[in-house]
N, C-alpha and C. Protein backbone atom coordinates (compact mmCIF):
# COMPACT_ATOMS: atom_id res chain seq x y z
N MET A 1 -9.39 15.47 -32.68
CA MET A 1 -10.40 15.62 -31.77
C MET A 1 -11.40 14.80 -32.44
N HIS A 2 -12.50 14.52 -32.29
CA HIS A 2 -13.53 14.15 -32.80
C HIS A 2 -13.91 15.06 -33.57
N ALA A 3 -14.94 15.93 -32.70
CA ALA A 3 -15.49 17.62 -33.05
C ALA A 3 -15.32 18.23 -34.16
N LEU A 4 -13.51 18.41 -34.14
CA LEU A 4 -13.05 18.94 -35.57
C LEU A 4 -13.37 17.82 -37.05
N ASP A 5 -12.79 16.52 -36.44
CA ASP A 5 -12.80 16.18 -37.68
C ASP A 5 -14.12 15.88 -38.31
N ARG A 6 -15.20 15.87 -37.43
CA ARG A 6 -16.33 15.54 -37.89
C ARG A 6 -16.86 17.26 -38.75
N MET A 7 -16.58 17.98 -37.69
CA MET A 7 -17.24 19.02 -38.75
C MET A 7 -16.43 19.32 -40.23
N SER A 8 -15.26 18.78 -40.51
CA SER A 8 -14.45 18.97 -41.13
C SER A 8 -15.48 18.60 -42.21
N LYS A 9 -15.46 17.27 -41.46
CA LYS A 9 -16.21 16.34 -42.86
C LYS A 9 -17.62 16.42 -43.36
N LEU A 10 -18.45 17.09 -42.39
CA LEU A 10 -19.96 17.84 -42.72
C LEU A 10 -19.76 19.20 -43.66
N THR A 11 -18.25 19.64 -43.48
CA THR A 11 -17.94 21.08 -44.48
C THR A 11 -18.00 20.33 -45.86
N LEU A 12 -17.11 19.36 -45.86
CA LEU A 12 -16.90 18.84 -47.66
C LEU A 12 -18.26 18.34 -48.13
N LEU A 13 -18.90 17.24 -46.89
CA LEU A 13 -20.32 16.92 -47.50
C LEU A 13 -20.90 18.19 -48.17
N HIS A 14 -21.33 19.30 -47.28
CA HIS A 14 -21.91 20.03 -47.76
C HIS A 14 -22.05 21.02 -48.68
N GLN A 15 -20.72 20.85 -49.21
CA GLN A 15 -20.32 21.16 -50.72
C GLN A 15 -20.46 20.31 -51.85
N ASP A 16 -20.97 19.02 -51.68
CA ASP A 16 -20.76 17.94 -52.51
C ASP A 16 -22.30 18.57 -53.41
N THR A 17 -22.15 18.51 -54.55
CA THR A 17 -23.19 18.96 -55.32
C THR A 17 -24.01 17.86 -55.24
N THR A 18 -23.68 16.74 -55.32
CA THR A 18 -25.00 15.39 -55.58
C THR A 18 -25.57 15.26 -54.29
N LYS A 19 -25.77 16.56 -53.01
CA LYS A 19 -26.34 15.91 -51.93
C LYS A 19 -27.43 17.10 -52.39
N THR A 20 -28.56 16.75 -51.65
CA THR A 20 -29.86 17.46 -51.87
C THR A 20 -29.76 18.37 -51.05
N GLU A 21 -31.08 19.48 -50.97
CA GLU A 21 -30.86 20.76 -49.94
C GLU A 21 -31.50 20.13 -48.78
N THR A 22 -32.38 19.34 -48.71
CA THR A 22 -32.38 18.80 -47.21
C THR A 22 -31.09 18.15 -46.47
N ASP A 23 -30.62 17.32 -47.48
CA ASP A 23 -28.82 16.71 -46.89
C ASP A 23 -27.97 18.07 -45.90
N ARG A 24 -27.74 19.20 -47.24
CA ARG A 24 -27.22 20.00 -46.62
C ARG A 24 -27.90 21.05 -45.19
N SER A 25 -29.10 20.74 -45.38
CA SER A 25 -29.73 21.18 -44.12
C SER A 25 -29.38 20.36 -42.96
N ASN A 26 -29.30 18.89 -43.22
CA ASN A 26 -28.85 18.41 -41.92
C ASN A 26 -27.77 18.35 -41.68
N TYR A 27 -26.50 18.49 -42.52
CA TYR A 27 -25.21 18.85 -42.51
C TYR A 27 -24.88 20.41 -41.63
N SER A 28 -25.40 21.00 -41.77
CA SER A 28 -25.32 22.37 -41.36
C SER A 28 -26.17 22.39 -39.64
N PHE A 29 -27.32 21.54 -39.72
CA PHE A 29 -27.62 21.34 -38.27
C PHE A 29 -26.88 20.47 -37.57
N GLU A 30 -26.09 19.70 -38.02
CA GLU A 30 -25.05 18.88 -37.28
C GLU A 30 -24.34 19.43 -36.97
N PHE A 31 -23.08 20.39 -38.14
CA PHE A 31 -22.33 21.20 -37.95
C PHE A 31 -22.51 22.24 -36.44
N THR A 32 -24.07 22.90 -36.37
CA THR A 32 -24.34 23.95 -35.41
C THR A 32 -24.09 23.32 -34.31
N LEU A 33 -24.63 21.81 -34.11
CA LEU A 33 -24.43 21.21 -32.95
C LEU A 33 -22.86 21.46 -32.25
N PHE A 34 -22.22 20.80 -33.01
CA PHE A 34 -20.88 20.56 -32.89
C PHE A 34 -19.89 22.30 -32.33
N GLN A 35 -20.29 23.39 -33.33
CA GLN A 35 -20.06 24.51 -32.93
C GLN A 35 -20.51 24.52 -31.32
N ASN A 36 -21.96 24.45 -31.13
CA ASN A 36 -22.37 24.72 -30.00
C ASN A 36 -21.75 23.88 -28.36
N TYR A 37 -21.41 23.06 -28.78
CA TYR A 37 -20.50 22.07 -27.86
C TYR A 37 -19.28 22.36 -28.02
N ILE A 38 -18.22 22.92 -28.76
CA ILE A 38 -17.23 23.16 -28.47
C ILE A 38 -16.88 24.44 -27.93
N SER A 39 -18.30 25.42 -28.26
CA SER A 39 -17.91 26.58 -27.35
C SER A 39 -18.36 25.99 -25.84
N TYR A 40 -19.49 25.02 -25.62
CA TYR A 40 -20.03 24.46 -24.64
C TYR A 40 -18.84 24.24 -23.17
N ILE A 41 -17.53 23.43 -23.86
CA ILE A 41 -16.71 22.81 -23.32
C ILE A 41 -15.20 23.87 -23.03
N GLY A 42 -15.38 25.23 -23.98
CA GLY A 42 -14.74 26.12 -23.67
C GLY A 42 -14.78 26.81 -22.31
N ILE A 43 -16.15 26.27 -21.62
CA ILE A 43 -16.05 27.34 -20.61
C ILE A 43 -15.52 26.50 -19.42
N LYS A 44 -15.53 24.87 -19.63
CA LYS A 44 -15.85 24.56 -17.99
C LYS A 44 -14.58 24.06 -17.51
N GLU A 45 -14.90 23.85 -16.11
CA GLU A 45 -13.55 24.03 -15.01
C GLU A 45 -13.47 22.20 -14.70
N PHE A 46 -12.38 22.45 -14.23
CA PHE A 46 -12.01 21.26 -12.78
C PHE A 46 -11.38 21.83 -12.06
N ASN A 47 -11.90 21.20 -10.72
CA ASN A 47 -11.34 21.83 -9.33
C ASN A 47 -11.33 23.46 -9.56
N CYS A 48 -12.43 24.17 -9.75
CA CYS A 48 -12.35 25.79 -10.15
C CYS A 48 -10.64 25.97 -11.27
N VAL A 49 -10.58 25.03 -12.08
CA VAL A 49 -9.41 25.22 -12.66
C VAL A 49 -9.78 25.67 -14.06
N SER A 50 -10.13 26.39 -14.91
CA SER A 50 -10.49 26.18 -16.52
C SER A 50 -9.68 25.54 -17.23
N LEU A 51 -10.44 24.56 -17.96
CA LEU A 51 -9.29 23.49 -18.53
C LEU A 51 -8.81 24.38 -19.99
N PHE A 52 -9.52 25.08 -20.07
CA PHE A 52 -8.94 25.73 -21.91
C PHE A 52 -7.98 27.11 -21.16
N ALA A 53 -7.59 27.41 -20.17
CA ALA A 53 -7.04 28.99 -19.54
C ALA A 53 -5.95 29.09 -20.35
N ASN A 54 -6.56 31.09 -20.99
CA ASN A 54 -5.46 31.10 -21.58
C ASN A 54 -4.40 32.26 -20.89
N ALA A 55 -4.21 32.10 -19.54
CA ALA A 55 -3.58 33.16 -18.56
C ALA A 55 -2.80 31.38 -17.76
N GLY A 56 -1.87 32.08 -17.02
CA GLY A 56 -1.31 30.97 -15.89
C GLY A 56 -2.16 30.85 -14.64
N ASN A 57 -1.78 30.02 -14.15
CA ASN A 57 -2.57 29.59 -12.69
C ASN A 57 -1.40 29.78 -11.54
N GLU A 58 -1.58 30.11 -10.59
CA GLU A 58 -1.10 29.94 -9.27
C GLU A 58 -0.99 28.67 -8.44
N VAL A 59 0.05 28.10 -8.87
CA VAL A 59 0.15 26.38 -7.94
C VAL A 59 0.89 26.86 -6.59
N THR A 60 0.01 25.91 -5.50
CA THR A 60 1.02 25.52 -4.16
C THR A 60 1.88 24.41 -4.68
N ILE A 61 2.96 24.24 -4.42
CA ILE A 61 3.45 23.37 -4.39
C ILE A 61 4.69 22.78 -3.79
N ASP A 62 4.40 23.51 -1.93
CA ASP A 62 4.32 22.50 -1.02
C ASP A 62 3.77 22.83 0.25
N SER A 63 4.14 22.05 1.55
CA SER A 63 3.40 22.14 2.79
C SER A 63 3.70 23.69 2.97
N ASP A 64 4.88 24.43 2.78
CA ASP A 64 5.04 26.11 2.96
C ASP A 64 4.36 27.33 2.27
N ALA A 65 3.20 26.48 1.81
CA ALA A 65 2.39 27.17 0.59
C ALA A 65 3.07 28.05 -0.30
N ASN A 66 4.36 27.66 -0.77
CA ASN A 66 5.27 28.11 -2.10
C ASN A 66 4.77 27.97 -3.49
N THR A 67 4.25 28.78 -3.81
CA THR A 67 3.49 29.18 -5.22
C THR A 67 4.31 29.46 -6.57
N PHE A 68 4.09 29.15 -7.71
CA PHE A 68 4.75 29.64 -8.99
C PHE A 68 3.52 29.35 -9.68
N ILE A 69 3.81 30.63 -11.00
CA ILE A 69 2.75 30.04 -11.72
C ILE A 69 2.85 29.49 -13.22
N MET A 70 2.07 28.59 -13.13
CA MET A 70 1.97 27.91 -14.41
C MET A 70 1.71 28.41 -15.45
N LEU A 71 2.11 28.28 -16.58
CA LEU A 71 2.24 29.41 -17.84
C LEU A 71 1.59 28.10 -18.42
N TRP A 72 0.70 28.25 -19.61
CA TRP A 72 -0.50 26.83 -20.32
C TRP A 72 0.54 27.58 -21.89
N THR A 73 1.23 26.69 -22.62
CA THR A 73 1.56 27.35 -23.56
C THR A 73 1.01 26.53 -24.70
């Protein structure tokens, strides 16, 4: 995942003692943008189904409306 990889790199760059305070401030700002992005996609839905649900969803499997609970692992 690009966002998490970039956040990891930003953390390392922020700890680099050769960087200026301006550099560190820019790294912190970008890191915060990625935090907000991850929070934003964490609540997204597709066809009224949460993309990152932490519980099962009832799924219709045939024309008789039989269902089962799909669990996410």
